[in-house]
C-alpha atoms as a PDB file:
ATOM      1  CA  MET A   1      86.642 119.734 132.728  1.00  0.00           C
ATOM      2  CA  LEU A   2      86.683 119.331 128.932  1.00  0.00           C
ATOM      3  CA  ASP A   3      90.161 117.752 129.097  1.00  0.00           C
ATOM      4  CA  ILE A   4      88.929 115.035 131.439  1.00  0.00           C
ATOM      5  CA  PHE A   5      85.948 114.369 129.154  1.00  0.00           C
ATOM      6  CA  ILE A   6      88.159 114.202 126.051  1.00  0.00           C
ATOM      7  CA  GLU A   7      90.746 111.959 127.714  1.00  0.00           C
ATOM      8  CA  GLY A   8      87.979 109.606 128.806  1.00  0.00           C
ATOM      9  CA  ILE A   9      85.939 109.474 125.600  1.00  0.00           C
ATOM     10  CA  ILE A  10      88.509 109.677 122.782  1.00  0.00           C
ATOM     11  CA  PRO A  11      90.351 106.406 123.578  1.00  0.00           C
ATOM     12  CA  LYS A  12      87.032 104.569 123.669  1.00  0.00           C
ATOM     13  CA  LEU A  13      85.959 106.065 120.332  1.00  0.00           C
ATOM     14  CA  VAL A  14      89.347 105.216 118.811  1.00  0.00           C
ATOM     15  CA  THR A  15      88.995 101.622 120.001  1.00  0.00           C
ATOM     16  CA  ILE A  16      85.486 101.393 118.520  1.00  0.00           C
ATOM     17  CA  LEU A  17      86.609 102.817 115.150  1.00  0.00           C
ATOM     18  CA  GLU A  18      89.667 100.552 115.020  1.00  0.00           C
ATOM     19  CA  SER A  19      87.459  97.559 115.838  1.00  0.00           C
ATOM     20  CA  MET A  20      85.007  98.524 113.106  1.00  0.00           C
ATOM     21  CA  GLY A  21      87.889  98.693 110.626  1.00  0.00           C
ATOM     22  CA  ILE A  22      89.129  95.269 111.694  1.00  0.00           C
ATOM     23  CA  LEU A  23      85.605  93.850 111.405  1.00  0.00           C
ATOM     24  CA  VAL A  24      85.204  95.252 107.874  1.00  0.00           C
ATOM     25  CA  ILE A  25      88.555  93.713 106.878  1.00  0.00           C
ATOM     26  CA  CYS A  26      87.586  90.320 108.307  1.00  0.00           C
ATOM     27  CA  ILE A  27      84.129  90.281 106.720  1.00  0.00           C
ATOM     28  CA  GLY A  28      85.495  91.503 103.379  1.00  0.00           C
ATOM     29  CA  SER A  29      88.221  88.860 103.403  1.00  0.00           C
ATOM     30  CA  ILE A  30      85.823  86.037 104.230  1.00  0.00           C
ATOM     31  CA  LYS A  31      83.362  87.249 101.583  1.00  0.00           C
ATOM     32  CA  ALA A  32      86.128  87.545  98.978  1.00  0.00           C
ATOM     33  CA  PHE A  33      87.429  84.070  99.783  1.00  0.00           C
ATOM     34  CA  TYR A  34      83.918  82.617  99.544  1.00  0.00           C
ATOM     35  CA  HIS A  35      83.295  84.217  96.150  1.00  0.00           C
ATOM     36  CA  TYR A  36      86.751  83.196  94.942  1.00  0.00           C
ATOM     37  CA  ILE A  37      86.132  79.533  95.782  1.00  0.00           C
ATOM     38  CA  ASN A  38      82.588  79.744  94.402  1.00  0.00           C
ATOM     39  CA  SER A  39      83.801  81.218  91.107  1.00  0.00           C
ATOM     40  CA  LEU A  40      86.441  78.491  90.793  1.00  0.00           C
ATOM     41  CA  ILE A  41      83.896  75.741  91.333  1.00  0.00           C
ATOM     42  CA  LYS A  42      81.065  77.173  89.217  1.00  0.00           C
ATOM     43  CA  LYS A  43      83.356  78.824  86.606  1.00  0.00           C
ATOM     44  CA  THR A  44      81.467  82.109  86.938  1.00  0.00           C
ATOM     45  CA  LYS A  45      82.704  85.694  86.891  1.00  0.00           C
ATOM     46  CA  TYR A  46      82.456  87.809  90.022  1.00  0.00           C
ATOM     47  CA  PRO A  47      83.989  91.279  90.502  1.00  0.00           C
ATOM     48  CA  LEU A  48      86.156  89.859  93.263  1.00  0.00           C
ATOM     49  CA  LYS A  49      89.024  92.303  92.969  1.00  0.00           C
ATOM     50  CA  TRP A  50      86.730  95.331  93.040  1.00  0.00           C
ATOM     51  CA  GLU A  51      84.639  94.059  95.948  1.00  0.00           C
ATOM     52  CA  TYR A  52      87.699  93.183  98.017  1.00  0.00           C
ATOM     53  CA  ALA A  53      89.387  96.506  97.286  1.00  0.00           C
ATOM     54  CA  ASN A  54      86.185  98.291  98.260  1.00  0.00           C
ATOM     55  CA  SER A  55      86.086  96.579 101.650  1.00  0.00           C
ATOM     56  CA  MET A  56      89.788  97.350 102.219  1.00  0.00           C
ATOM     57  CA  ALA A  57      89.242 101.015 101.354  1.00  0.00           C
ATOM     58  CA  THR A  58      86.268 101.192 103.703  1.00  0.00           C
ATOM     59  CA  ALA A  59      88.253  99.595 106.514  1.00  0.00           C
ATOM     60  CA  LEU A  60      91.110 102.030 105.963  1.00  0.00           C
ATOM     61  CA  GLU A  61      88.654 104.922 106.200  1.00  0.00           C
ATOM     62  CA  PHE A  62      87.540 103.711 109.646  1.00  0.00           C
ATOM     63  CA  LYS A  63      91.138 103.317 110.757  1.00  0.00           C
ATOM     64  CA  LEU A  64      92.039 106.744 109.383  1.00  0.00           C
ATOM     65  CA  ALA A  65      89.150 108.263 111.330  1.00  0.00           C
ATOM     66  CA  ALA A  66      90.585 106.677 114.489  1.00  0.00           C
ATOM     67  CA  GLU A  67      93.984 108.211 113.715  1.00  0.00           C
ATOM     68  CA  ILE A  68      92.419 111.630 113.285  1.00  0.00           C
ATOM     69  CA  LEU A  69      90.752 111.315 116.678  1.00  0.00           C
ATOM     70  CA  LYS A  70      94.075 110.306 118.223  1.00  0.00           C
ATOM     71  CA  THR A  71      95.508 113.695 117.273  1.00  0.00           C
ATOM     72  CA  VAL A  72      93.421 115.229 120.068  1.00  0.00           C
ATOM     73  CA  THR A  73      95.284 113.267 122.742  1.00  0.00           C
ATOM     74  CA  ILE A  74      98.871 113.802 121.533  1.00  0.00           C
ATOM     75  CA  ARG A  75     101.238 114.978 124.275  1.00  0.00           C
ATOM     76  CA  THR A  76     104.753 114.716 122.789  1.00  0.00           C
ATOM     77  CA  MET A  77     106.495 115.384 119.488  1.00  0.00           C
ATOM     78  CA  ASN A  78     107.420 111.683 119.238  1.00  0.00           C
ATOM     79  CA  GLU A  79     103.737 110.729 119.342  1.00  0.00           C
ATOM     80  CA  LEU A  80     103.000 113.331 116.673  1.00  0.00           C
ATOM     81  CA  ILE A  81     105.692 111.955 114.356  1.00  0.00           C
ATOM     82  CA  ILE A  82     104.488 108.368 114.785  1.00  0.00           C
ATOM     83  CA  LEU A  83     100.844 109.335 114.318  1.00  0.00           C
ATOM     84  CA  GLY A  84     101.672 111.465 111.278  1.00  0.00           C
ATOM     85  CA  SER A  85     103.604 108.593 109.718  1.00  0.00           C
ATOM     86  CA  ILE A  86     100.777 106.137 110.289  1.00  0.00           C
ATOM     87  CA  THR A  87      98.227 108.605 108.922  1.00  0.00           C
ATOM     88  CA  LEU A  88     100.310 109.237 105.801  1.00  0.00           C
ATOM     89  CA  LEU A  89     100.799 105.520 105.248  1.00  0.00           C
ATOM     90  CA  ARG A  90      97.098 104.742 105.621  1.00  0.00           C
ATOM     91  CA  GLY A  91      96.162 107.663 103.390  1.00  0.00           C
ATOM     92  CA  PHE A  92      98.640 106.467 100.759  1.00  0.00           C
ATOM     93  CA  LEU A  93      97.229 102.938 100.930  1.00  0.00           C
ATOM     94  CA  THR A  94      93.708 104.300 100.516  1.00  0.00           C
ATOM     95  CA  LEU A  95      94.772 106.252  97.423  1.00  0.00           C
ATOM     96  CA  ILE A  96      96.406 103.161  95.919  1.00  0.00           C
ATOM     97  CA  ILE A  97      93.310 101.058  96.556  1.00  0.00           C
ATOM     98  CA  HIS A  98      91.035 103.711  95.020  1.00  0.00           C
ATOM     99  CA  TRP A  99      93.364 103.967  92.015  1.00  0.00           C
ATOM    100  CA  GLU A 100      93.253 100.169  91.634  1.00  0.00           C
ATOM    101  CA  MET A 101      89.451 100.189  91.816  1.00  0.00           C
ATOM    102  CA  LYS A 102      89.278 102.944  89.202  1.00  0.00           C
ATOM    103  CA  SER A 103      91.573 101.048  86.825  1.00  0.00           C
ATOM    104  CA  GLU A 104      89.463  97.913  87.351  1.00  0.00           C
ATOM    105  CA  ASP A 105      86.323  99.878  86.424  1.00  0.00           C
ATOM    106  CA  GLN A 106      88.011 101.255  83.316  1.00  0.00           C
ATOM    107  CA  SER A 107      89.105  97.787  82.206  1.00  0.00           C
ATOM    108  CA  LYS A 108      85.534  96.519  82.675  1.00  0.00           C
ATOM    109  CA  ASP A 109      84.209  99.387  80.563  1.00  0.00           C
ATOM    110  CA  LYS A 110      86.805  98.691  77.867  1.00  0.00           C
ATOM    111  CA  ASN A 111      85.969  94.974  77.811  1.00  0.00           C
ATOM    112  CA  SER A 112      82.233  95.656  77.539  1.00  0.00           C
ATOM    113  CA  LYS A 113      82.795  98.130  74.685  1.00  0.00           C
ATOM    114  CA  ASP A 114      85.009  95.593  72.895  1.00  0.00           C
ATOM    115  CA  LYS A 115      82.282  92.943  73.205  1.00  0.00           C
ATOM    116  CA  GLU A 116      79.660  95.345  71.823  1.00  0.00           C
ATOM    117  CA  ALA A 117      81.883  96.219  68.859  1.00  0.00           C
ATOM    118  CA  SER A 118      82.369  92.588  67.832  1.00  0.00           C
END
């Protein structure tokens, strides 16, 4: 009984989470492109890199959640290896993006301290 429920619900939830991740990527990309063009035209500063990295990290979190749910429906060792590889890759990408965001924050702090000192 529970198996039938899980096999019916999990694929739908995975599809929803994957779609949410794709939507976040699309919206973040469009927003980043808009602000990039706007900052070129108006010669203003906008934390474009940080904002874009934040949307990518959020999208990867949705996609990682979908991968975790997929583990419930694994039937073969091949599926487990593929799913494990994808999960590791997405986790690694998330770590890189968070590291990039952290270094961007530190460079902002350093620049603001340098401006205050002069």
